[in-house]
Amino acid sequence: MLDQPTADYIEQQLKAALPIVHLDVINESHLHGTPTDDSHFKLVIVSEAFAGQRLLQRHRTINKLLSEALAGPVHALALHTYSPEEWQNLHDVPESPACRGGSQGTSGER
């Protein structure tokens, strides 16, 4: 279990491991029927570390850094990862997908 708010943990882990140019840690739990829960997050991360990396490599890096949160309170994590060049040319960050109800008790799993 994390010893601090989930959003703070996520921010600290990412900033400690990556050269961050821009970071948004957005708690979207309230959009998924879990208003008091820290279970659904959207991350917008811009880092020079992502330059030349494929999307899968970027996501694996983030998942490894946040493995404790993903094993605990975090049920869903929407990742939007960009190099500084990609970020400069971006106009809109995609919306997170709709929840399928896993944290709402419909699947019995988390």
PDB file of N, CA and C in Angstrom:
ATOM      1  N   MET A   1       0.833  -1.179   0.000  1.00  0.00           N
ATOM      2  CA  MET A   1       0.000   0.000   0.000  1.00  0.00           C
ATOM      3  C   MET A   1       0.878   1.243   0.000  1.00  0.00           C
ATOM      4  N   LEU A   2       0.469   2.242  -0.716  1.00  0.00           N
ATOM      5  CA  LEU A   2       1.222   3.482  -0.785  1.00  0.00           C
ATOM      6  C   LEU A   2       1.059   4.263   0.510  1.00  0.00           C
ATOM      7  N   ASP A   3       2.106   4.970   0.920  1.00  0.00           N
ATOM      8  CA  ASP A   3       2.045   5.729   2.163  1.00  0.00           C
ATOM      9  C   ASP A   3       1.769   7.217   1.922  1.00  0.00           C
ATOM     10  N   GLN A   4       1.208   7.543   0.757  1.00  0.00           N
ATOM     11  CA  GLN A   4       0.878   8.918   0.399  1.00  0.00           C
ATOM     12  C   GLN A   4      -0.231   8.900  -0.644  1.00  0.00           C
ATOM     13  N   PRO A   5      -0.839  10.051  -0.929  1.00  0.00           N
ATOM     14  CA  PRO A   5      -1.864  10.072  -1.976  1.00  0.00           C
ATOM     15  C   PRO A   5      -1.295   9.531  -3.298  1.00  0.00           C
ATOM     16  N   THR A   6      -2.107   8.800  -4.008  1.00  0.00           N
ATOM     17  CA  THR A   6      -1.660   8.132  -5.233  1.00  0.00           C
ATOM     18  C   THR A   6      -1.095   9.114  -6.258  1.00  0.00           C
ATOM     19  N   ALA A   7      -1.749  10.241  -6.471  1.00  0.00           N
ATOM     20  CA  ALA A   7      -1.262  11.223  -7.450  1.00  0.00           C
ATOM     21  C   ALA A   7       0.122  11.737  -7.068  1.00  0.00           C
ATOM     22  N   ASP A   8       0.350  11.968  -5.783  1.00  0.00           N
ATOM     23  CA  ASP A   8       1.663  12.425  -5.324  1.00  0.00           C
ATOM     24  C   ASP A   8       2.718  11.358  -5.566  1.00  0.00           C
ATOM     25  N   TYR A   9       2.366  10.114  -5.277  1.00  0.00           N
ATOM     26  CA  TYR A   9       3.289   9.000  -5.505  1.00  0.00           C
ATOM     27  C   TYR A   9       3.669   8.916  -6.980  1.00  0.00           C
ATOM     28  N   ILE A  10       2.674   8.982  -7.852  1.00  0.00           N
ATOM     29  CA  ILE A  10       2.917   8.905  -9.290  1.00  0.00           C
ATOM     30  C   ILE A  10       3.855  10.028  -9.730  1.00  0.00           C
ATOM     31  N   GLU A  11       3.558  11.234  -9.318  1.00  0.00           N
ATOM     32  CA  GLU A  11       4.384  12.383  -9.697  1.00  0.00           C
ATOM     33  C   GLU A  11       5.826  12.226  -9.206  1.00  0.00           C
ATOM     34  N   GLN A  12       6.002  11.837  -7.966  1.00  0.00           N
ATOM     35  CA  GLN A  12       7.346  11.674  -7.409  1.00  0.00           C
ATOM     36  C   GLN A  12       8.138  10.597  -8.130  1.00  0.00           C
ATOM     37  N   GLN A  13       7.495   9.459  -8.409  1.00  0.00           N
ATOM     38  CA  GLN A  13       8.197   8.368  -9.090  1.00  0.00           C
ATOM     39  C   GLN A  13       8.670   8.791 -10.477  1.00  0.00           C
ATOM     40  N   LEU A  14       7.797   9.463 -11.208  1.00  0.00           N
ATOM     41  CA  LEU A  14       8.140   9.865 -12.574  1.00  0.00           C
ATOM     42  C   LEU A  14       9.216  10.943 -12.586  1.00  0.00           C
ATOM     43  N   LYS A  15       9.081  11.935 -11.724  1.00  0.00           N
ATOM     44  CA  LYS A  15      10.068  13.026 -11.689  1.00  0.00           C
ATOM     45  C   LYS A  15      11.438  12.556 -11.209  1.00  0.00           C
ATOM     46  N   ALA A  16      11.467  11.541 -10.370  1.00  0.00           N
ATOM     47  CA  ALA A  16      12.739  11.016  -9.877  1.00  0.00           C
ATOM     48  C   ALA A  16      13.480  10.205 -10.938  1.00  0.00           C
ATOM     49  N   ALA A  17      12.748   9.640 -11.886  1.00  0.00           N
ATOM     50  CA  ALA A  17      13.360   8.720 -12.839  1.00  0.00           C
ATOM     51  C   ALA A  17      13.531   9.276 -14.255  1.00  0.00           C
ATOM     52  N   LEU A  18      12.757  10.305 -14.603  1.00  0.00           N
ATOM     53  CA  LEU A  18      12.765  10.800 -15.977  1.00  0.00           C
ATOM     54  C   LEU A  18      13.029  12.308 -16.017  1.00  0.00           C
ATOM     55  N   PRO A  19      13.703  12.772 -17.067  1.00  0.00           N
ATOM     56  CA  PRO A  19      13.833  14.223 -17.251  1.00  0.00           C
ATOM     57  C   PRO A  19      12.512  14.771 -17.814  1.00  0.00           C
ATOM     58  N   ILE A  20      11.659  15.252 -16.939  1.00  0.00           N
ATOM     59  CA  ILE A  20      10.308  15.680 -17.295  1.00  0.00           C
ATOM     60  C   ILE A  20      10.298  17.115 -17.803  1.00  0.00           C
ATOM     61  N   VAL A  21       9.684  17.318 -18.964  1.00  0.00           N
ATOM     62  CA  VAL A  21       9.478  18.648 -19.522  1.00  0.00           C
ATOM     63  C   VAL A  21       8.084  19.140 -19.131  1.00  0.00           C
ATOM     64  N   HIS A  22       7.114  18.215 -19.141  1.00  0.00           N
ATOM     65  CA  HIS A  22       5.731  18.534 -18.783  1.00  0.00           C
ATOM     66  C   HIS A  22       5.105  17.276 -18.199  1.00  0.00           C
ATOM     67  N   LEU A  23       4.303  17.455 -17.136  1.00  0.00           N
ATOM     68  CA  LEU A  23       3.633  16.320 -16.513  1.00  0.00           C
ATOM     69  C   LEU A  23       2.280  16.755 -15.985  1.00  0.00           C
ATOM     70  N   ASP A  24       1.245  16.033 -16.388  1.00  0.00           N
ATOM     71  CA  ASP A  24      -0.089  16.183 -15.825  1.00  0.00           C
ATOM     72  C   ASP A  24      -0.486  14.834 -15.247  1.00  0.00           C
ATOM     73  N   VAL A  25      -0.823  14.818 -13.971  1.00  0.00           N
ATOM     74  CA  VAL A  25      -1.345  13.627 -13.313  1.00  0.00           C
ATOM     75  C   VAL A  25      -2.796  13.957 -12.986  1.00  0.00           C
ATOM     76  N   ILE A  26      -3.710  13.363 -13.740  1.00  0.00           N
ATOM     77  CA  ILE A  26      -5.126  13.713 -13.645  1.00  0.00           C
ATOM     78  C   ILE A  26      -5.903  12.534 -13.069  1.00  0.00           C
ATOM     79  N   ASN A  27      -6.518  12.760 -11.921  1.00  0.00           N
ATOM     80  CA  ASN A  27      -7.340  11.728 -11.296  1.00  0.00           C
ATOM     81  C   ASN A  27      -8.707  11.752 -11.966  1.00  0.00           C
ATOM     82  N   GLU A  28      -9.016  10.705 -12.700  1.00  0.00           N
ATOM     83  CA  GLU A  28     -10.289  10.598 -13.413  1.00  0.00           C
ATOM     84  C   GLU A  28     -11.257   9.620 -12.741  1.00  0.00           C
ATOM     85  N   SER A  29     -10.989   9.280 -11.510  1.00  0.00           N
ATOM     86  CA  SER A  29     -11.832   8.308 -10.803  1.00  0.00           C
ATOM     87  C   SER A  29     -13.290   8.730 -10.766  1.00  0.00           C
ATOM     88  N   HIS A  30     -13.529  10.021 -10.600  1.00  0.00           N
ATOM     89  CA  HIS A  30     -14.906  10.528 -10.528  1.00  0.00           C
ATOM     90  C   HIS A  30     -15.683  10.301 -11.826  1.00  0.00           C
ATOM     91  N   LEU A  31     -14.988  10.095 -12.927  1.00  0.00           N
ATOM     92  CA  LEU A  31     -15.643   9.835 -14.214  1.00  0.00           C
ATOM     93  C   LEU A  31     -16.033   8.372 -14.375  1.00  0.00           C
ATOM     94  N   HIS A  32     -15.622   7.545 -13.434  1.00  0.00           N
ATOM     95  CA  HIS A  32     -15.808   6.108 -13.554  1.00  0.00           C
ATOM     96  C   HIS A  32     -16.560   5.499 -12.385  1.00  0.00           C
ATOM     97  N   GLY A  33     -17.369   6.308 -11.729  1.00  0.00           N
ATOM     98  CA  GLY A  33     -18.196   5.790 -10.646  1.00  0.00           C
ATOM     99  C   GLY A  33     -17.451   5.558  -9.349  1.00  0.00           C
ATOM    100  N   THR A  34     -16.246   6.118  -9.220  1.00  0.00           N
ATOM    101  CA  THR A  34     -15.464   5.939  -7.998  1.00  0.00           C
ATOM    102  C   THR A  34     -14.959   7.301  -7.514  1.00  0.00           C
ATOM    103  N   PRO A  35     -15.861   8.188  -7.088  1.00  0.00           N
ATOM    104  CA  PRO A  35     -15.481   9.561  -6.764  1.00  0.00           C
ATOM    105  C   PRO A  35     -14.513   9.708  -5.595  1.00  0.00           C
ATOM    106  N   THR A  36     -14.496   8.785  -4.665  1.00  0.00           N
ATOM    107  CA  THR A  36     -13.594   8.903  -3.522  1.00  0.00           C
ATOM    108  C   THR A  36     -12.397   7.979  -3.638  1.00  0.00           C
ATOM    109  N   ASP A  37     -12.246   7.348  -4.740  1.00  0.00           N
ATOM    110  CA  ASP A  37     -11.194   6.367  -4.952  1.00  0.00           C
ATOM    111  C   ASP A  37     -10.092   6.974  -5.816  1.00  0.00           C
ATOM    112  N   ASP A  38      -8.867   6.554  -5.594  1.00  0.00           N
ATOM    113  CA  ASP A  38      -7.743   6.942  -6.450  1.00  0.00           C
ATOM    114  C   ASP A  38      -7.395   5.757  -7.340  1.00  0.00           C
ATOM    115  N   SER A  39      -8.279   5.437  -8.282  1.00  0.00           N
ATOM    116  CA  SER A  39      -8.090   4.220  -9.066  1.00  0.00           C
ATOM    117  C   SER A  39      -7.928   4.444 -10.565  1.00  0.00           C
ATOM    118  N   HIS A  40      -8.344   5.594 -11.072  1.00  0.00           N
ATOM    119  CA  HIS A  40      -8.281   5.871 -12.513  1.00  0.00           C
ATOM    120  C   HIS A  40      -7.496   7.157 -12.738  1.00  0.00           C
ATOM    121  N   PHE A  41      -6.403   7.052 -13.490  1.00  0.00           N
ATOM    122  CA  PHE A  41      -5.573   8.220 -13.745  1.00  0.00           C
ATOM    123  C   PHE A  41      -5.252   8.359 -15.222  1.00  0.00           C
ATOM    124  N   LYS A  42      -5.075   9.597 -15.610  1.00  0.00           N
ATOM    125  CA  LYS A  42      -4.614   9.940 -16.954  1.00  0.00           C
ATOM    126  C   LYS A  42      -3.303  10.687 -16.775  1.00  0.00           C
ATOM    127  N   LEU A  43      -2.265  10.228 -17.459  1.00  0.00           N
ATOM    128  CA  LEU A  43      -0.964  10.873 -17.377  1.00  0.00           C
ATOM    129  C   LEU A  43      -0.593  11.441 -18.738  1.00  0.00           C
ATOM    130  N   VAL A  44      -0.190  12.681 -18.733  1.00  0.00           N
ATOM    131  CA  VAL A  44       0.380  13.328 -19.913  1.00  0.00           C
ATOM    132  C   VAL A  44       1.828  13.611 -19.538  1.00  0.00           C
ATOM    133  N   ILE A  45       2.745  12.926 -20.210  1.00  0.00           N
ATOM    134  CA  ILE A  45       4.156  13.011 -19.851  1.00  0.00           C
ATOM    135  C   ILE A  45       4.972  13.404 -21.073  1.00  0.00           C
ATOM    136  N   VAL A  46       5.746  14.457 -20.929  1.00  0.00           N
ATOM    137  CA  VAL A  46       6.662  14.884 -21.984  1.00  0.00           C
ATOM    138  C   VAL A  46       8.069  14.764 -21.415  1.00  0.00           C
ATOM    139  N   SER A  47       8.893  13.965 -22.088  1.00  0.00           N
ATOM    140  CA  SER A  47      10.248  13.743 -21.605  1.00  0.00           C
ATOM    141  C   SER A  47      11.190  13.514 -22.781  1.00  0.00           C
ATOM    142  N   GLU A  48      12.374  14.040 -22.649  1.00  0.00           N
ATOM    143  CA  GLU A  48      13.421  13.802 -23.644  1.00  0.00           C
ATOM    144  C   GLU A  48      13.758  12.313 -23.712  1.00  0.00           C
ATOM    145  N   ALA A  49      13.509  11.591 -22.630  1.00  0.00           N
ATOM    146  CA  ALA A  49      13.776  10.150 -22.597  1.00  0.00           C
ATOM    147  C   ALA A  49      12.955   9.393 -23.636  1.00  0.00           C
ATOM    148  N   PHE A  50      11.845   9.970 -24.081  1.00  0.00           N
ATOM    149  CA  PHE A  50      10.978   9.301 -25.049  1.00  0.00           C
ATOM    150  C   PHE A  50      11.396   9.525 -26.501  1.00  0.00           C
ATOM    151  N   ALA A  51      12.322  10.426 -26.739  1.00  0.00           N
ATOM    152  CA  ALA A  51      12.775  10.696 -28.108  1.00  0.00           C
ATOM    153  C   ALA A  51      13.371   9.420 -28.698  1.00  0.00           C
ATOM    154  N   GLY A  52      12.874   9.023 -29.842  1.00  0.00           N
ATOM    155  CA  GLY A  52      13.374   7.827 -30.522  1.00  0.00           C
ATOM    156  C   GLY A  52      12.805   6.520 -29.990  1.00  0.00           C
ATOM    157  N   GLN A  53      11.957   6.568 -28.978  1.00  0.00           N
ATOM    158  CA  GLN A  53      11.358   5.349 -28.445  1.00  0.00           C
ATOM    159  C   GLN A  53       9.987   5.100 -29.060  1.00  0.00           C
ATOM    160  N   ARG A  54       9.679   3.838 -29.221  1.00  0.00           N
ATOM    161  CA  ARG A  54       8.339   3.467 -29.658  1.00  0.00           C
ATOM    162  C   ARG A  54       7.382   3.557 -28.478  1.00  0.00           C
ATOM    163  N   LEU A  55       6.108   3.623 -28.792  1.00  0.00           N
ATOM    164  CA  LEU A  55       5.066   3.756 -27.771  1.00  0.00           C
ATOM    165  C   LEU A  55       5.152   2.640 -26.731  1.00  0.00           C
ATOM    166  N   LEU A  56       5.357   1.414 -27.174  1.00  0.00           N
ATOM    167  CA  LEU A  56       5.429   0.281 -26.256  1.00  0.00           C
ATOM    168  C   LEU A  56       6.583   0.438 -25.270  1.00  0.00           C
ATOM    169  N   GLN A  57       7.723   0.905 -25.736  1.00  0.00           N
ATOM    170  CA  GLN A  57       8.864   1.125 -24.844  1.00  0.00           C
ATOM    171  C   GLN A  57       8.531   2.183 -23.791  1.00  0.00           C
ATOM    172  N   ARG A  58       7.881   3.238 -24.210  1.00  0.00           N
ATOM    173  CA  ARG A  58       7.500   4.314 -23.290  1.00  0.00           C
ATOM    174  C   ARG A  58       6.556   3.799 -22.214  1.00  0.00           C
ATOM    175  N   HIS A  59       5.556   3.039 -22.647  1.00  0.00           N
ATOM    176  CA  HIS A  59       4.567   2.519 -21.699  1.00  0.00           C
ATOM    177  C   HIS A  59       5.187   1.510 -20.741  1.00  0.00           C
ATOM    178  N   ARG A  60       6.091   0.695 -21.223  1.00  0.00           N
ATOM    179  CA  ARG A  60       6.773  -0.263 -20.348  1.00  0.00           C
ATOM    180  C   ARG A  60       7.586   0.473 -19.284  1.00  0.00           C
ATOM    181  N   THR A  61       8.237   1.542 -19.684  1.00  0.00           N
ATOM    182  CA  THR A  61       9.011   2.347 -18.733  1.00  0.00           C
ATOM    183  C   THR A  61       8.117   2.886 -17.635  1.00  0.00           C
ATOM    184  N   ILE A  62       6.985   3.477 -18.015  1.00  0.00           N
ATOM    185  CA  ILE A  62       6.054   4.048 -17.041  1.00  0.00           C
ATOM    186  C   ILE A  62       5.471   2.955 -16.151  1.00  0.00           C
ATOM    187  N   ASN A  63       5.048   1.851 -16.744  1.00  0.00           N
ATOM    188  CA  ASN A  63       4.467   0.753 -15.964  1.00  0.00           C
ATOM    189  C   ASN A  63       5.461   0.206 -14.942  1.00  0.00           C
ATOM    190  N   LYS A  64       6.729   0.121 -15.314  1.00  0.00           N
ATOM    191  CA  LYS A  64       7.756  -0.360 -14.384  1.00  0.00           C
ATOM    192  C   LYS A  64       7.940   0.639 -13.240  1.00  0.00           C
ATOM    193  N   LEU A  65       7.992   1.923 -13.552  1.00  0.00           N
ATOM    194  CA  LEU A  65       8.170   2.943 -12.530  1.00  0.00           C
ATOM    195  C   LEU A  65       6.996   2.998 -11.561  1.00  0.00           C
ATOM    196  N   LEU A  66       5.810   2.672 -12.046  1.00  0.00           N
ATOM    197  CA  LEU A  66       4.597   2.764 -11.228  1.00  0.00           C
ATOM    198  C   LEU A  66       4.054   1.401 -10.812  1.00  0.00           C
ATOM    199  N   SER A  67       4.898   0.389 -10.820  1.00  0.00           N
ATOM    200  CA  SER A  67       4.444  -0.982 -10.553  1.00  0.00           C
ATOM    201  C   SER A  67       3.764  -1.130  -9.191  1.00  0.00           C
ATOM    202  N   GLU A  68       4.237  -0.415  -8.183  1.00  0.00           N
ATOM    203  CA  GLU A  68       3.619  -0.526  -6.855  1.00  0.00           C
ATOM    204  C   GLU A  68       2.190   0.017  -6.875  1.00  0.00           C
ATOM    205  N   ALA A  69       1.982   1.143  -7.528  1.00  0.00           N
ATOM    206  CA  ALA A  69       0.636   1.721  -7.623  1.00  0.00           C
ATOM    207  C   ALA A  69      -0.270   0.841  -8.474  1.00  0.00           C
ATOM    208  N   LEU A  70       0.271   0.265  -9.539  1.00  0.00           N
ATOM    209  CA  LEU A  70      -0.523  -0.591 -10.416  1.00  0.00           C
ATOM    210  C   LEU A  70      -0.895  -1.910  -9.730  1.00  0.00           C
ATOM    211  N   ALA A  71      -0.094  -2.339  -8.777  1.00  0.00           N
ATOM    212  CA  ALA A  71      -0.399  -3.552  -8.018  1.00  0.00           C
ATOM    213  C   ALA A  71      -1.363  -3.262  -6.873  1.00  0.00           C
ATOM    214  N   GLY A  72      -1.584  -1.991  -6.602  1.00  0.00           N
ATOM    215  CA  GLY A  72      -2.436  -1.605  -5.482  1.00  0.00           C
ATOM    216  C   GLY A  72      -3.644  -0.813  -5.918  1.00  0.00           C
ATOM    217  N   PRO A  73      -3.619   0.482  -5.651  1.00  0.00           N
ATOM    218  CA  PRO A  73      -4.839   1.276  -5.828  1.00  0.00           C
ATOM    219  C   PRO A  73      -5.212   1.609  -7.277  1.00  0.00           C
ATOM    220  N   VAL A  74      -4.256   1.585  -8.198  1.00  0.00           N
ATOM    221  CA  VAL A  74      -4.553   2.044  -9.555  1.00  0.00           C
ATOM    222  C   VAL A  74      -5.121   0.902 -10.391  1.00  0.00           C
ATOM    223  N   HIS A  75      -6.341   1.120 -10.878  1.00  0.00           N
ATOM    224  CA  HIS A  75      -7.053   0.144 -11.703  1.00  0.00           C
ATOM    225  C   HIS A  75      -6.865   0.455 -13.187  1.00  0.00           C
ATOM    226  N   ALA A  76      -6.820   1.738 -13.529  1.00  0.00           N
ATOM    227  CA  ALA A  76      -6.713   2.149 -14.930  1.00  0.00           C
ATOM    228  C   ALA A  76      -5.750   3.318 -15.041  1.00  0.00           C
ATOM    229  N   LEU A  77      -4.897   3.251 -16.073  1.00  0.00           N
ATOM    230  CA  LEU A  77      -3.897   4.276 -16.283  1.00  0.00           C
ATOM    231  C   LEU A  77      -3.838   4.593 -17.775  1.00  0.00           C
ATOM    232  N   ALA A  78      -4.335   5.763 -18.139  1.00  0.00           N
ATOM    233  CA  ALA A  78      -4.268   6.210 -19.534  1.00  0.00           C
ATOM    234  C   ALA A  78      -2.955   6.961 -19.702  1.00  0.00           C
ATOM    235  N   LEU A  79      -2.111   6.482 -20.600  1.00  0.00           N
ATOM    236  CA  LEU A  79      -0.789   7.074 -20.795  1.00  0.00           C
ATOM    237  C   LEU A  79      -0.725   7.828 -22.113  1.00  0.00           C
ATOM    238  N   HIS A  80      -0.292   9.059 -22.027  1.00  0.00           N
ATOM    239  CA  HIS A  80      -0.064   9.901 -23.201  1.00  0.00           C
ATOM    240  C   HIS A  80       1.372  10.394 -23.075  1.00  0.00           C
ATOM    241  N   THR A  81       2.270   9.740 -23.807  1.00  0.00           N
ATOM    242  CA  THR A  81       3.700   9.991 -23.670  1.00  0.00           C
ATOM    243  C   THR A  81       4.244  10.629 -24.941  1.00  0.00           C
ATOM    244  N   TYR A  82       5.033  11.682 -24.755  1.00  0.00           N
ATOM    245  CA  TYR A  82       5.531  12.451 -25.897  1.00  0.00           C
ATOM    246  C   TYR A  82       6.976  12.875 -25.678  1.00  0.00           C
ATOM    247  N   SER A  83       7.697  12.970 -26.777  1.00  0.00           N
ATOM    248  CA  SER A  83       8.994  13.636 -26.749  1.00  0.00           C
ATOM    249  C   SER A  83       8.712  15.137 -26.806  1.00  0.00           C
ATOM    250  N   PRO A  84       9.667  15.980 -26.456  1.00  0.00           N
ATOM    251  CA  PRO A  84       9.428  17.424 -26.555  1.00  0.00           C
ATOM    252  C   PRO A  84       9.035  17.879 -27.964  1.00  0.00           C
ATOM    253  N   GLU A  85       9.624  17.285 -28.977  1.00  0.00           N
ATOM    254  CA  GLU A  85       9.283  17.641 -30.356  1.00  0.00           C
ATOM    255  C   GLU A  85       7.837  17.266 -30.683  1.00  0.00           C
ATOM    256  N   GLU A  86       7.421  16.064 -30.279  1.00  0.00           N
ATOM    257  CA  GLU A  86       6.040  15.640 -30.510  1.00  0.00           C
ATOM    258  C   GLU A  86       5.070  16.556 -29.767  1.00  0.00           C
ATOM    259  N   TRP A  87       5.416  16.919 -28.553  1.00  0.00           N
ATOM    260  CA  TRP A  87       4.565  17.775 -27.728  1.00  0.00           C
ATOM    261  C   TRP A  87       4.393  19.148 -28.372  1.00  0.00           C
ATOM    262  N   GLN A  88       5.460  19.659 -28.930  1.00  0.00           N
ATOM    263  CA  GLN A  88       5.416  20.973 -29.573  1.00  0.00           C
ATOM    264  C   GLN A  88       4.465  20.971 -30.765  1.00  0.00           C
ATOM    265  N   ASN A  89       4.342  19.846 -31.442  1.00  0.00           N
ATOM    266  CA  ASN A  89       3.491  19.742 -32.628  1.00  0.00           C
ATOM    267  C   ASN A  89       2.083  19.235 -32.325  1.00  0.00           C
ATOM    268  N   LEU A  90       1.805  18.940 -31.064  1.00  0.00           N
ATOM    269  CA  LEU A  90       0.514  18.378 -30.666  1.00  0.00           C
ATOM    270  C   LEU A  90      -0.523  19.474 -30.471  1.00  0.00           C
ATOM    271  N   HIS A  91      -1.744  19.182 -30.869  1.00  0.00           N
ATOM    272  CA  HIS A  91      -2.819  20.152 -30.705  1.00  0.00           C
ATOM    273  C   HIS A  91      -3.784  19.753 -29.599  1.00  0.00           C
ATOM    274  N   ASP A  92      -4.052  18.460 -29.442  1.00  0.00           N
ATOM    275  CA  ASP A  92      -4.978  17.986 -28.422  1.00  0.00           C
ATOM    276  C   ASP A  92      -4.488  16.660 -27.853  1.00  0.00           C
ATOM    277  N   VAL A  93      -4.641  16.502 -26.547  1.00  0.00           N
ATOM    278  CA  VAL A  93      -4.370  15.217 -25.906  1.00  0.00           C
ATOM    279  C   VAL A  93      -5.651  14.400 -26.013  1.00  0.00           C
ATOM    280  N   PRO A  94      -5.562  13.139 -26.443  1.00  0.00           N
ATOM    281  CA  PRO A  94      -6.767  12.313 -26.586  1.00  0.00           C
ATOM    282  C   PRO A  94      -7.513  12.134 -25.265  1.00  0.00           C
ATOM    283  N   GLU A  95      -8.810  11.964 -25.369  1.00  0.00           N
ATOM    284  CA  GLU A  95      -9.646  11.674 -24.207  1.00  0.00           C
ATOM    285  C   GLU A  95      -9.356  10.253 -23.738  1.00  0.00           C
ATOM    286  N   SER A  96      -9.554  10.010 -22.466  1.00  0.00           N
ATOM    287  CA  SER A  96      -9.398   8.666 -21.923  1.00  0.00           C
ATOM    288  C   SER A  96     -10.591   7.818 -22.353  1.00  0.00           C
ATOM    289  N   PRO A  97     -10.377   6.513 -22.528  1.00  0.00           N
ATOM    290  CA  PRO A  97     -11.502   5.650 -22.918  1.00  0.00           C
ATOM    291  C   PRO A  97     -12.504   5.505 -21.780  1.00  0.00           C
ATOM    292  N   ALA A  98     -13.716   5.143 -22.123  1.00  0.00           N
ATOM    293  CA  ALA A  98     -14.761   4.916 -21.130  1.00  0.00           C
ATOM    294  C   ALA A  98     -14.407   3.707 -20.276  1.00  0.00           C
ATOM    295  N   CYS A  99     -14.788   3.761 -19.030  1.00  0.00           N
ATOM    296  CA  CYS A  99     -14.530   2.667 -18.100  1.00  0.00           C
ATOM    297  C   CYS A  99     -15.439   1.484 -18.440  1.00  0.00           C
ATOM    298  N   ARG A 100     -14.901   0.291 -18.310  1.00  0.00           N
ATOM    299  CA  ARG A 100     -15.693  -0.911 -18.555  1.00  0.00           C
ATOM    300  C   ARG A 100     -16.279  -1.479 -17.278  1.00  0.00           C
ATOM    301  N   GLY A 101     -16.099  -0.761 -16.157  1.00  0.00           N
ATOM    302  CA  GLY A 101     -16.761  -1.156 -14.918  1.00  0.00           C
ATOM    303  C   GLY A 101     -15.984  -2.038 -13.986  1.00  0.00           C
ATOM    304  N   GLY A 102     -14.727  -2.340 -14.265  1.00  0.00           N
ATOM    305  CA  GLY A 102     -13.953  -3.242 -13.412  1.00  0.00           C
ATOM    306  C   GLY A 102     -13.845  -2.783 -11.980  1.00  0.00           C
ATOM    307  N   SER A 103     -13.691  -1.482 -11.759  1.00  0.00           N
ATOM    308  CA  SER A 103     -13.558  -0.997 -10.382  1.00  0.00           C
ATOM    309  C   SER A 103     -14.908  -0.704  -9.759  1.00  0.00           C
ATOM    310  N   GLN A 104     -15.974  -0.867 -10.506  1.00  0.00           N
ATOM    311  CA  GLN A 104     -17.307  -0.599  -9.988  1.00  0.00           C
ATOM    312  C   GLN A 104     -17.972  -1.861  -9.459  1.00  0.00           C
ATOM    313  N   GLY A 105     -17.204  -2.928  -9.380  1.00  0.00           N
ATOM    314  CA  GLY A 105     -17.733  -4.150  -8.802  1.00  0.00           C
ATOM    315  C   GLY A 105     -18.445  -5.051  -9.808  1.00  0.00           C
ATOM    316  N   THR A 106     -18.432  -4.724 -11.087  1.00  0.00           N
ATOM    317  CA  THR A 106     -19.145  -5.555 -12.054  1.00  0.00           C
ATOM    318  C   THR A 106     -18.361  -6.777 -12.470  1.00  0.00           C
ATOM    319  N   SER A 107     -17.049  -6.720 -12.345  1.00  0.00           N
ATOM    320  CA  SER A 107     -16.262  -7.878 -12.769  1.00  0.00           C
ATOM    321  C   SER A 107     -15.766  -8.710 -11.622  1.00  0.00           C
ATOM    322  N   GLY A 108     -15.827  -8.159 -10.412  1.00  0.00           N
ATOM    323  CA  GLY A 108     -15.339  -8.906  -9.259  1.00  0.00           C
ATOM    324  C   GLY A 108     -13.848  -8.822  -9.110  1.00  0.00           C
ATOM    325  N   GLU A 109     -13.146  -8.203 -10.051  1.00  0.00           N
ATOM    326  CA  GLU A 109     -11.701  -8.075  -9.980  1.00  0.00           C
ATOM    327  C   GLU A 109     -11.319  -6.618 -10.029  1.00  0.00           C
ATOM    328  N   ARG A 110     -10.128  -6.361  -9.622  1.00  0.00           N
ATOM    329  CA  ARG A 110      -9.578  -5.021  -9.694  1.00  0.00           C
ATOM    330  C   ARG A 110      -8.307  -4.988 -10.437  1.00  0.00           C
TER     331      ARG A 110
END
